[in-house]
Amino acid sequence: MPPSVLTAVLARSTPLAAKKLAEQVAFEAAAVWLHVLALTIPGDADNLIEERDMWSNEWNVAMDVMARVNVGTLAKGLTLQLPTAIIPSIQEADDAFG
């Protein structure tokens, strides 16, 4: 039985991009987590105190993860940067809660 067309194409193809390092993937995931949190800061109304406390705890956990991931990337000689578009929202959240 001759190989299928798909099998022949797959045998000749090469991956479009190299695999990302685990540290890079972890950094990107942590950056997305921080950005989502920065976009979901609860208001400062008196009835949202509990929500703000929960959000603040989540923010602190996310910042700890980012710090650990950053150490891992630096240890491998990588320098990863946050996307420019999300830096202002993350900085604002960190100024408010950091």
PDB file of N, CA and C in Angstrom:
ATOM      1  N   MET A   1       0.859  -1.167   0.000  1.00  0.00           N
ATOM      2  CA  MET A   1       0.000   0.000   0.000  1.00  0.00           C
ATOM      3  C   MET A   1       0.913   1.240   0.000  1.00  0.00           C
ATOM      4  N   PRO A   2       0.770   2.125  -0.970  1.00  0.00           N
ATOM      5  CA  PRO A   2       1.628   3.316  -1.034  1.00  0.00           C
ATOM      6  C   PRO A   2       1.252   4.294   0.073  1.00  0.00           C
ATOM      7  N   PRO A   3       2.228   5.106   0.509  1.00  0.00           N
ATOM      8  CA  PRO A   3       1.920   6.083   1.561  1.00  0.00           C
ATOM      9  C   PRO A   3       0.913   7.114   1.062  1.00  0.00           C
ATOM     10  N   SER A   4       0.118   7.608   1.980  1.00  0.00           N
ATOM     11  CA  SER A   4      -0.875   8.614   1.608  1.00  0.00           C
ATOM     12  C   SER A   4      -0.192   9.937   1.304  1.00  0.00           C
ATOM     13  N   VAL A   5      -0.911  10.812   0.647  1.00  0.00           N
ATOM     14  CA  VAL A   5      -0.381  12.133   0.321  1.00  0.00           C
ATOM     15  C   VAL A   5      -0.027  12.878   1.610  1.00  0.00           C
ATOM     16  N   LEU A   6      -0.866  12.777   2.612  1.00  0.00           N
ATOM     17  CA  LEU A   6      -0.616  13.457   3.875  1.00  0.00           C
ATOM     18  C   LEU A   6       0.669  12.951   4.525  1.00  0.00           C
ATOM     19  N   THR A   7       0.887  11.649   4.510  1.00  0.00           N
ATOM     20  CA  THR A   7       2.098  11.080   5.083  1.00  0.00           C
ATOM     21  C   THR A   7       3.326  11.605   4.358  1.00  0.00           C
ATOM     22  N   ALA A   8       3.256  11.703   3.047  1.00  0.00           N
ATOM     23  CA  ALA A   8       4.383  12.207   2.269  1.00  0.00           C
ATOM     24  C   ALA A   8       4.655  13.673   2.577  1.00  0.00           C
ATOM     25  N   VAL A   9       3.613  14.471   2.696  1.00  0.00           N
ATOM     26  CA  VAL A   9       3.779  15.892   3.010  1.00  0.00           C
ATOM     27  C   VAL A   9       4.367  16.061   4.402  1.00  0.00           C
ATOM     28  N   LEU A  10       3.861  15.322   5.372  1.00  0.00           N
ATOM     29  CA  LEU A  10       4.368  15.418   6.734  1.00  0.00           C
ATOM     30  C   LEU A  10       5.823  14.977   6.827  1.00  0.00           C
ATOM     31  N   ALA A  11       6.209  14.001   6.051  1.00  0.00           N
ATOM     32  CA  ALA A  11       7.586  13.518   6.077  1.00  0.00           C
ATOM     33  C   ALA A  11       8.553  14.578   5.555  1.00  0.00           C
ATOM     34  N   ARG A  12       8.099  15.397   4.608  1.00  0.00           N
ATOM     35  CA  ARG A  12       8.960  16.430   4.030  1.00  0.00           C
ATOM     36  C   ARG A  12       8.915  17.741   4.794  1.00  0.00           C
ATOM     37  N   SER A  13       7.901  17.924   5.615  1.00  0.00           N
ATOM     38  CA  SER A  13       7.728  19.220   6.272  1.00  0.00           C
ATOM     39  C   SER A  13       8.661  19.366   7.468  1.00  0.00           C
ATOM     40  N   THR A  14       8.932  20.602   7.781  1.00  0.00           N
ATOM     41  CA  THR A  14       9.724  20.922   8.970  1.00  0.00           C
ATOM     42  C   THR A  14       8.882  21.841   9.832  1.00  0.00           C
ATOM     43  N   PRO A  15       9.106  21.806  11.116  1.00  0.00           N
ATOM     44  CA  PRO A  15       8.324  22.691  11.988  1.00  0.00           C
ATOM     45  C   PRO A  15       8.557  24.153  11.613  1.00  0.00           C
ATOM     46  N   LEU A  16       7.506  24.951  11.708  1.00  0.00           N
ATOM     47  CA  LEU A  16       7.618  26.361  11.375  1.00  0.00           C
ATOM     48  C   LEU A  16       8.411  27.131  12.417  1.00  0.00           C
ATOM     49  N   ALA A  17       8.309  26.727  13.643  1.00  0.00           N
ATOM     50  CA  ALA A  17       9.024  27.441  14.704  1.00  0.00           C
ATOM     51  C   ALA A  17       9.629  26.417  15.660  1.00  0.00           C
ATOM     52  N   ALA A  18      10.759  26.774  16.191  1.00  0.00           N
ATOM     53  CA  ALA A  18      11.377  25.907  17.175  1.00  0.00           C
ATOM     54  C   ALA A  18      10.531  25.890  18.438  1.00  0.00           C
ATOM     55  N   LYS A  19      10.668  24.841  19.196  1.00  0.00           N
ATOM     56  CA  LYS A  19       9.939  24.780  20.461  1.00  0.00           C
ATOM     57  C   LYS A  19      10.403  25.895  21.370  1.00  0.00           C
ATOM     58  N   LYS A  20       9.462  26.463  22.082  1.00  0.00           N
ATOM     59  CA  LYS A  20       9.805  27.485  23.055  1.00  0.00           C
ATOM     60  C   LYS A  20      10.358  26.813  24.304  1.00  0.00           C
ATOM     61  N   LEU A  21      11.306  27.473  24.923  1.00  0.00           N
ATOM     62  CA  LEU A  21      11.822  26.970  26.180  1.00  0.00           C
ATOM     63  C   LEU A  21      10.731  27.035  27.239  1.00  0.00           C
ATOM     64  N   ALA A  22      10.753  26.110  28.162  1.00  0.00           N
ATOM     65  CA  ALA A  22       9.749  26.059  29.225  1.00  0.00           C
ATOM     66  C   ALA A  22       9.705  27.369  29.999  1.00  0.00           C
ATOM     67  N   GLU A  23      10.867  27.979  30.202  1.00  0.00           N
ATOM     68  CA  GLU A  23      10.924  29.240  30.936  1.00  0.00           C
ATOM     69  C   GLU A  23      10.206  30.348  30.184  1.00  0.00           C
ATOM     70  N   GLN A  24      10.343  30.354  28.856  1.00  0.00           N
ATOM     71  CA  GLN A  24       9.675  31.373  28.050  1.00  0.00           C
ATOM     72  C   GLN A  24       8.163  31.192  28.109  1.00  0.00           C
ATOM     73  N   VAL A  25       7.714  29.962  28.026  1.00  0.00           N
ATOM     74  CA  VAL A  25       6.276  29.686  28.108  1.00  0.00           C
ATOM     75  C   VAL A  25       5.736  30.103  29.475  1.00  0.00           C
ATOM     76  N   ALA A  26       6.475  29.785  30.536  1.00  0.00           N
ATOM     77  CA  ALA A  26       6.043  30.153  31.886  1.00  0.00           C
ATOM     78  C   ALA A  26       6.003  31.674  32.040  1.00  0.00           C
ATOM     79  N   PHE A  27       6.983  32.371  31.474  1.00  0.00           N
ATOM     80  CA  PHE A  27       7.013  33.829  31.539  1.00  0.00           C
ATOM     81  C   PHE A  27       5.796  34.419  30.817  1.00  0.00           C
ATOM     82  N   GLU A  28       5.512  33.915  29.634  1.00  0.00           N
ATOM     83  CA  GLU A  28       4.365  34.414  28.864  1.00  0.00           C
ATOM     84  C   GLU A  28       3.060  34.158  29.601  1.00  0.00           C
ATOM     85  N   ALA A  29       2.925  32.999  30.219  1.00  0.00           N
ATOM     86  CA  ALA A  29       1.713  32.688  30.984  1.00  0.00           C
ATOM     87  C   ALA A  29       1.580  33.618  32.186  1.00  0.00           C
ATOM     88  N   ALA A  30       2.692  33.861  32.881  1.00  0.00           N
ATOM     89  CA  ALA A  30       2.665  34.766  34.036  1.00  0.00           C
ATOM     90  C   ALA A  30       2.323  36.191  33.598  1.00  0.00           C
ATOM     91  N   ALA A  31       2.836  36.613  32.454  1.00  0.00           N
ATOM     92  CA  ALA A  31       2.535  37.953  31.945  1.00  0.00           C
ATOM     93  C   ALA A  31       1.051  38.098  31.626  1.00  0.00           C
ATOM     94  N   VAL A  32       0.474  37.069  31.026  1.00  0.00           N
ATOM     95  CA  VAL A  32      -0.965  37.105  30.719  1.00  0.00           C
ATOM     96  C   VAL A  32      -1.770  37.157  32.007  1.00  0.00           C
ATOM     97  N   TRP A  33      -1.381  36.368  33.002  1.00  0.00           N
ATOM     98  CA  TRP A  33      -2.083  36.347  34.293  1.00  0.00           C
ATOM     99  C   TRP A  33      -2.054  37.735  34.928  1.00  0.00           C
ATOM    100  N   LEU A  34      -0.884  38.377  34.939  1.00  0.00           N
ATOM    101  CA  LEU A  34      -0.781  39.721  35.506  1.00  0.00           C
ATOM    102  C   LEU A  34      -1.637  40.710  34.731  1.00  0.00           C
ATOM    103  N   HIS A  35      -1.636  40.599  33.414  1.00  0.00           N
ATOM    104  CA  HIS A  35      -2.430  41.519  32.603  1.00  0.00           C
ATOM    105  C   HIS A  35      -3.922  41.353  32.872  1.00  0.00           C
ATOM    106  N   VAL A  36      -4.376  40.125  32.955  1.00  0.00           N
ATOM    107  CA  VAL A  36      -5.794  39.871  33.258  1.00  0.00           C
ATOM    108  C   VAL A  36      -6.160  40.464  34.616  1.00  0.00           C
ATOM    109  N   LEU A  37      -5.301  40.248  35.596  1.00  0.00           N
ATOM    110  CA  LEU A  37      -5.571  40.818  36.917  1.00  0.00           C
ATOM    111  C   LEU A  37      -5.574  42.340  36.874  1.00  0.00           C
ATOM    112  N   ALA A  38      -4.647  42.915  36.118  1.00  0.00           N
ATOM    113  CA  ALA A  38      -4.583  44.377  36.017  1.00  0.00           C
ATOM    114  C   ALA A  38      -5.846  44.945  35.386  1.00  0.00           C
ATOM    115  N   LEU A  39      -6.441  44.195  34.481  1.00  0.00           N
ATOM    116  CA  LEU A  39      -7.666  44.653  33.817  1.00  0.00           C
ATOM    117  C   LEU A  39      -8.920  44.425  34.644  1.00  0.00           C
ATOM    118  N   THR A  40      -8.792  43.682  35.738  1.00  0.00           N
ATOM    119  CA  THR A  40      -9.975  43.329  36.534  1.00  0.00           C
ATOM    120  C   THR A  40      -9.891  43.848  37.968  1.00  0.00           C
ATOM    121  N   ILE A  41      -9.210  44.963  38.170  1.00  0.00           N
ATOM    122  CA  ILE A  41      -9.129  45.536  39.519  1.00  0.00           C
ATOM    123  C   ILE A  41     -10.540  45.918  39.961  1.00  0.00           C
ATOM    124  N   PRO A  42     -10.975  45.444  41.126  1.00  0.00           N
ATOM    125  CA  PRO A  42     -12.308  45.818  41.597  1.00  0.00           C
ATOM    126  C   PRO A  42     -12.341  47.293  41.995  1.00  0.00           C
ATOM    127  N   GLY A  43     -13.513  47.863  41.936  1.00  0.00           N
ATOM    128  CA  GLY A  43     -13.671  49.260  42.330  1.00  0.00           C
ATOM    129  C   GLY A  43     -13.393  49.461  43.812  1.00  0.00           C
ATOM    130  N   ASP A  44     -13.402  50.708  44.226  1.00  0.00           N
ATOM    131  CA  ASP A  44     -13.069  50.991  45.625  1.00  0.00           C
ATOM    132  C   ASP A  44     -14.290  51.309  46.485  1.00  0.00           C
ATOM    133  N   ALA A  45     -15.446  50.854  46.066  1.00  0.00           N
ATOM    134  CA  ALA A  45     -16.657  51.046  46.858  1.00  0.00           C
ATOM    135  C   ALA A  45     -16.550  50.232  48.154  1.00  0.00           C
ATOM    136  N   ASP A  46     -17.193  50.737  49.189  1.00  0.00           N
ATOM    137  CA  ASP A  46     -17.139  50.070  50.496  1.00  0.00           C
ATOM    138  C   ASP A  46     -17.623  48.624  50.446  1.00  0.00           C
ATOM    139  N   ASN A  47     -18.572  48.333  49.575  1.00  0.00           N
ATOM    140  CA  ASN A  47     -19.113  46.975  49.524  1.00  0.00           C
ATOM    141  C   ASN A  47     -18.215  46.017  48.731  1.00  0.00           C
ATOM    142  N   LEU A  48     -17.060  46.484  48.257  1.00  0.00           N
ATOM    143  CA  LEU A  48     -16.147  45.627  47.511  1.00  0.00           C
ATOM    144  C   LEU A  48     -14.848  45.331  48.271  1.00  0.00           C
ATOM    145  N   ILE A  49     -14.859  45.566  49.559  1.00  0.00           N
ATOM    146  CA  ILE A  49     -13.642  45.377  50.353  1.00  0.00           C
ATOM    147  C   ILE A  49     -13.165  43.932  50.283  1.00  0.00           C
ATOM    148  N   GLU A  50     -14.072  42.991  50.436  1.00  0.00           N
ATOM    149  CA  GLU A  50     -13.693  41.581  50.388  1.00  0.00           C
ATOM    150  C   GLU A  50     -13.140  41.214  49.006  1.00  0.00           C
ATOM    151  N   GLU A  51     -13.779  41.709  47.948  1.00  0.00           N
ATOM    152  CA  GLU A  51     -13.306  41.438  46.589  1.00  0.00           C
ATOM    153  C   GLU A  51     -11.917  42.023  46.367  1.00  0.00           C
ATOM    154  N   ARG A  52     -11.681  43.231  46.896  1.00  0.00           N
ATOM    155  CA  ARG A  52     -10.365  43.854  46.748  1.00  0.00           C
ATOM    156  C   ARG A  52      -9.298  43.059  47.497  1.00  0.00           C
ATOM    157  N   ASP A  53      -9.639  42.548  48.662  1.00  0.00           N
ATOM    158  CA  ASP A  53      -8.691  41.723  49.420  1.00  0.00           C
ATOM    159  C   ASP A  53      -8.348  40.440  48.653  1.00  0.00           C
ATOM    160  N   MET A  54      -9.371  39.793  48.087  1.00  0.00           N
ATOM    161  CA  MET A  54      -9.126  38.573  47.309  1.00  0.00           C
ATOM    162  C   MET A  54      -8.289  38.894  46.075  1.00  0.00           C
ATOM    163  N   TRP A  55      -8.610  40.004  45.417  1.00  0.00           N
ATOM    164  CA  TRP A  55      -7.848  40.402  44.241  1.00  0.00           C
ATOM    165  C   TRP A  55      -6.389  40.677  44.628  1.00  0.00           C
ATOM    166  N   SER A  56      -6.184  41.372  45.723  1.00  0.00           N
ATOM    167  CA  SER A  56      -4.839  41.705  46.177  1.00  0.00           C
ATOM    168  C   SER A  56      -4.035  40.442  46.471  1.00  0.00           C
ATOM    169  N   ASN A  57      -4.667  39.459  47.105  1.00  0.00           N
ATOM    170  CA  ASN A  57      -3.990  38.183  47.367  1.00  0.00           C
ATOM    171  C   ASN A  57      -3.597  37.502  46.054  1.00  0.00           C
ATOM    172  N   GLU A  58      -4.506  37.508  45.094  1.00  0.00           N
ATOM    173  CA  GLU A  58      -4.240  36.910  43.780  1.00  0.00           C
ATOM    174  C   GLU A  58      -3.090  37.652  43.078  1.00  0.00           C
ATOM    175  N   TRP A  59      -3.086  38.976  43.197  1.00  0.00           N
ATOM    176  CA  TRP A  59      -2.027  39.784  42.601  1.00  0.00           C
ATOM    177  C   TRP A  59      -0.662  39.412  43.208  1.00  0.00           C
ATOM    178  N   ASN A  60      -0.616  39.274  44.525  1.00  0.00           N
ATOM    179  CA  ASN A  60       0.636  38.927  45.186  1.00  0.00           C
ATOM    180  C   ASN A  60       1.143  37.557  44.756  1.00  0.00           C
ATOM    181  N   VAL A  61       0.243  36.604  44.590  1.00  0.00           N
ATOM    182  CA  VAL A  61       0.632  35.273  44.117  1.00  0.00           C
ATOM    183  C   VAL A  61       1.179  35.379  42.689  1.00  0.00           C
ATOM    184  N   ALA A  62       0.488  36.117  41.842  1.00  0.00           N
ATOM    185  CA  ALA A  62       0.929  36.271  40.451  1.00  0.00           C
ATOM    186  C   ALA A  62       2.291  36.958  40.373  1.00  0.00           C
ATOM    187  N   MET A  63       2.518  37.946  41.209  1.00  0.00           N
ATOM    188  CA  MET A  63       3.816  38.635  41.218  1.00  0.00           C
ATOM    189  C   MET A  63       4.917  37.694  41.706  1.00  0.00           C
ATOM    190  N   ASP A  64       4.619  36.845  42.669  1.00  0.00           N
ATOM    191  CA  ASP A  64       5.604  35.864  43.137  1.00  0.00           C
ATOM    192  C   ASP A  64       5.960  34.880  42.018  1.00  0.00           C
ATOM    193  N   VAL A  65       4.940  34.439  41.291  1.00  0.00           N
ATOM    194  CA  VAL A  65       5.183  33.533  40.162  1.00  0.00           C
ATOM    195  C   VAL A  65       6.056  34.231  39.127  1.00  0.00           C
ATOM    196  N   MET A  66       5.750  35.485  38.809  1.00  0.00           N
ATOM    197  CA  MET A  66       6.538  36.222  37.829  1.00  0.00           C
ATOM    198  C   MET A  66       7.991  36.364  38.299  1.00  0.00           C
ATOM    199  N   ALA A  67       8.183  36.622  39.575  1.00  0.00           N
ATOM    200  CA  ALA A  67       9.538  36.767  40.097  1.00  0.00           C
ATOM    201  C   ALA A  67      10.317  35.459  39.968  1.00  0.00           C
ATOM    202  N   ARG A  68       9.680  34.335  40.303  1.00  0.00           N
ATOM    203  CA  ARG A  68      10.345  33.028  40.183  1.00  0.00           C
ATOM    204  C   ARG A  68      10.668  32.697  38.732  1.00  0.00           C
ATOM    205  N   VAL A  69       9.714  32.973  37.849  1.00  0.00           N
ATOM    206  CA  VAL A  69       9.926  32.700  36.427  1.00  0.00           C
ATOM    207  C   VAL A  69      11.061  33.576  35.896  1.00  0.00           C
ATOM    208  N   ASN A  70      11.093  34.818  36.319  1.00  0.00           N
ATOM    209  CA  ASN A  70      12.137  35.727  35.858  1.00  0.00           C
ATOM    210  C   ASN A  70      13.514  35.232  36.295  1.00  0.00           C
ATOM    211  N   VAL A  71      13.616  34.742  37.520  1.00  0.00           N
ATOM    212  CA  VAL A  71      14.886  34.194  38.001  1.00  0.00           C
ATOM    213  C   VAL A  71      15.283  32.990  37.142  1.00  0.00           C
ATOM    214  N   GLY A  72      14.307  32.161  36.802  1.00  0.00           N
ATOM    215  CA  GLY A  72      14.584  30.992  35.960  1.00  0.00           C
ATOM    216  C   GLY A  72      15.072  31.376  34.573  1.00  0.00           C
ATOM    217  N   THR A  73      14.475  32.408  34.001  1.00  0.00           N
ATOM    218  CA  THR A  73      14.901  32.829  32.669  1.00  0.00           C
ATOM    219  C   THR A  73      16.293  33.449  32.717  1.00  0.00           C
ATOM    220  N   LEU A  74      16.559  34.234  33.740  1.00  0.00           N
ATOM    221  CA  LEU A  74      17.882  34.847  33.866  1.00  0.00           C
ATOM    222  C   LEU A  74      18.959  33.795  34.091  1.00  0.00           C
ATOM    223  N   ALA A  75      18.616  32.752  34.849  1.00  0.00           N
ATOM    224  CA  ALA A  75      19.574  31.681  35.105  1.00  0.00           C
ATOM    225  C   ALA A  75      19.955  30.959  33.809  1.00  0.00           C
ATOM    226  N   LYS A  76      19.042  30.938  32.847  1.00  0.00           N
ATOM    227  CA  LYS A  76      19.321  30.299  31.555  1.00  0.00           C
ATOM    228  C   LYS A  76      19.920  31.283  30.550  1.00  0.00           C
ATOM    229  N   GLY A  77      20.150  32.513  30.994  1.00  0.00           N
ATOM    230  CA  GLY A  77      20.719  33.514  30.103  1.00  0.00           C
ATOM    231  C   GLY A  77      19.704  34.174  29.190  1.00  0.00           C
ATOM    232  N   LEU A  78      18.432  34.014  29.488  1.00  0.00           N
ATOM    233  CA  LEU A  78      17.382  34.625  28.674  1.00  0.00           C
ATOM    234  C   LEU A  78      16.973  35.964  29.267  1.00  0.00           C
ATOM    235  N   THR A  79      16.644  36.876  28.424  1.00  0.00           N
ATOM    236  CA  THR A  79      16.073  38.138  28.877  1.00  0.00           C
ATOM    237  C   THR A  79      14.741  38.279  28.171  1.00  0.00           C
ATOM    238  N   LEU A  80      13.669  38.158  28.912  1.00  0.00           N
ATOM    239  CA  LEU A  80      12.327  38.267  28.346  1.00  0.00           C
ATOM    240  C   LEU A  80      11.696  39.563  28.818  1.00  0.00           C
ATOM    241  N   GLN A  81      10.911  40.159  27.972  1.00  0.00           N
ATOM    242  CA  GLN A  81      10.283  41.430  28.308  1.00  0.00           C
ATOM    243  C   GLN A  81       8.777  41.317  28.176  1.00  0.00           C
ATOM    244  N   LEU A  82       8.100  42.082  29.026  1.00  0.00           N
ATOM    245  CA  LEU A  82       6.651  42.168  28.906  1.00  0.00           C
ATOM    246  C   LEU A  82       6.307  42.901  27.614  1.00  0.00           C
ATOM    247  N   PRO A  83       5.201  42.543  26.982  1.00  0.00           N
ATOM    248  CA  PRO A  83       4.770  43.305  25.818  1.00  0.00           C
ATOM    249  C   PRO A  83       4.515  44.767  26.211  1.00  0.00           C
ATOM    250  N   THR A  84       4.979  45.681  25.404  1.00  0.00           N
ATOM    251  CA  THR A  84       4.890  47.108  25.701  1.00  0.00           C
ATOM    252  C   THR A  84       3.459  47.541  25.984  1.00  0.00           C
ATOM    253  N   ALA A  85       2.502  46.985  25.286  1.00  0.00           N
ATOM    254  CA  ALA A  85       1.109  47.412  25.421  1.00  0.00           C
ATOM    255  C   ALA A  85       0.522  47.119  26.796  1.00  0.00           C
ATOM    256  N   ILE A  86       1.046  46.117  27.522  1.00  0.00           N
ATOM    257  CA  ILE A  86       0.442  45.766  28.809  1.00  0.00           C
ATOM    258  C   ILE A  86       1.183  46.373  29.997  1.00  0.00           C
ATOM    259  N   ILE A  87       2.335  46.962  29.762  1.00  0.00           N
ATOM    260  CA  ILE A  87       3.134  47.497  30.867  1.00  0.00           C
ATOM    261  C   ILE A  87       2.393  48.572  31.660  1.00  0.00           C
ATOM    262  N   PRO A  88       1.732  49.557  31.023  1.00  0.00           N
ATOM    263  CA  PRO A  88       1.064  50.592  31.831  1.00  0.00           C
ATOM    264  C   PRO A  88       0.004  50.042  32.783  1.00  0.00           C
ATOM    265  N   SER A  89      -0.803  49.081  32.334  1.00  0.00           N
ATOM    266  CA  SER A  89      -1.852  48.549  33.215  1.00  0.00           C
ATOM    267  C   SER A  89      -1.249  47.752  34.359  1.00  0.00           C
ATOM    268  N   ILE A  90      -0.185  47.008  34.090  1.00  0.00           N
ATOM    269  CA  ILE A  90       0.466  46.241  35.151  1.00  0.00           C
ATOM    270  C   ILE A  90       1.145  47.182  36.139  1.00  0.00           C
ATOM    271  N   GLN A  91       1.785  48.218  35.622  1.00  0.00           N
ATOM    272  CA  GLN A  91       2.444  49.188  36.515  1.00  0.00           C
ATOM    273  C   GLN A  91       1.427  49.893  37.397  1.00  0.00           C
ATOM    274  N   GLU A  92       0.293  50.273  36.811  1.00  0.00           N
ATOM    275  CA  GLU A  92      -0.761  50.939  37.603  1.00  0.00           C
ATOM    276  C   GLU A  92      -1.280  50.029  38.715  1.00  0.00           C
ATOM    277  N   ALA A  93      -1.515  48.770  38.375  1.00  0.00           N
ATOM    278  CA  ALA A  93      -1.993  47.830  39.397  1.00  0.00           C
ATOM    279  C   ALA A  93      -0.948  47.606  40.473  1.00  0.00           C
ATOM    280  N   ASP A  94       0.306  47.513  40.078  1.00  0.00           N
ATOM    281  CA  ASP A  94       1.358  47.279  41.048  1.00  0.00           C
ATOM    282  C   ASP A  94       1.541  48.504  41.940  1.00  0.00           C
ATOM    283  N   ASP A  95       1.396  49.690  41.382  1.00  0.00           N
ATOM    284  CA  ASP A  95       1.483  50.916  42.194  1.00  0.00           C
ATOM    285  C   ASP A  95       0.347  50.960  43.212  1.00  0.00           C
ATOM    286  N   ALA A  96      -0.813  50.498  42.809  1.00  0.00           N
ATOM    287  CA  ALA A  96      -1.983  50.545  43.687  1.00  0.00           C
ATOM    288  C   ALA A  96      -1.939  49.462  44.774  1.00  0.00           C
ATOM    289  N   PHE A  97      -1.380  48.290  44.438  1.00  0.00           N
ATOM    290  CA  PHE A  97      -1.479  47.156  45.338  1.00  0.00           C
ATOM    291  C   PHE A  97      -0.138  46.550  45.722  1.00  0.00           C
ATOM    292  N   GLY A  98       0.945  46.942  45.066  1.00  0.00           N
ATOM    293  CA  GLY A  98       2.249  46.314  45.276  1.00  0.00           C
ATOM    294  C   GLY A  98       2.906  46.716  46.554  1.00  0.00           C
TER     295      GLY A  98
END
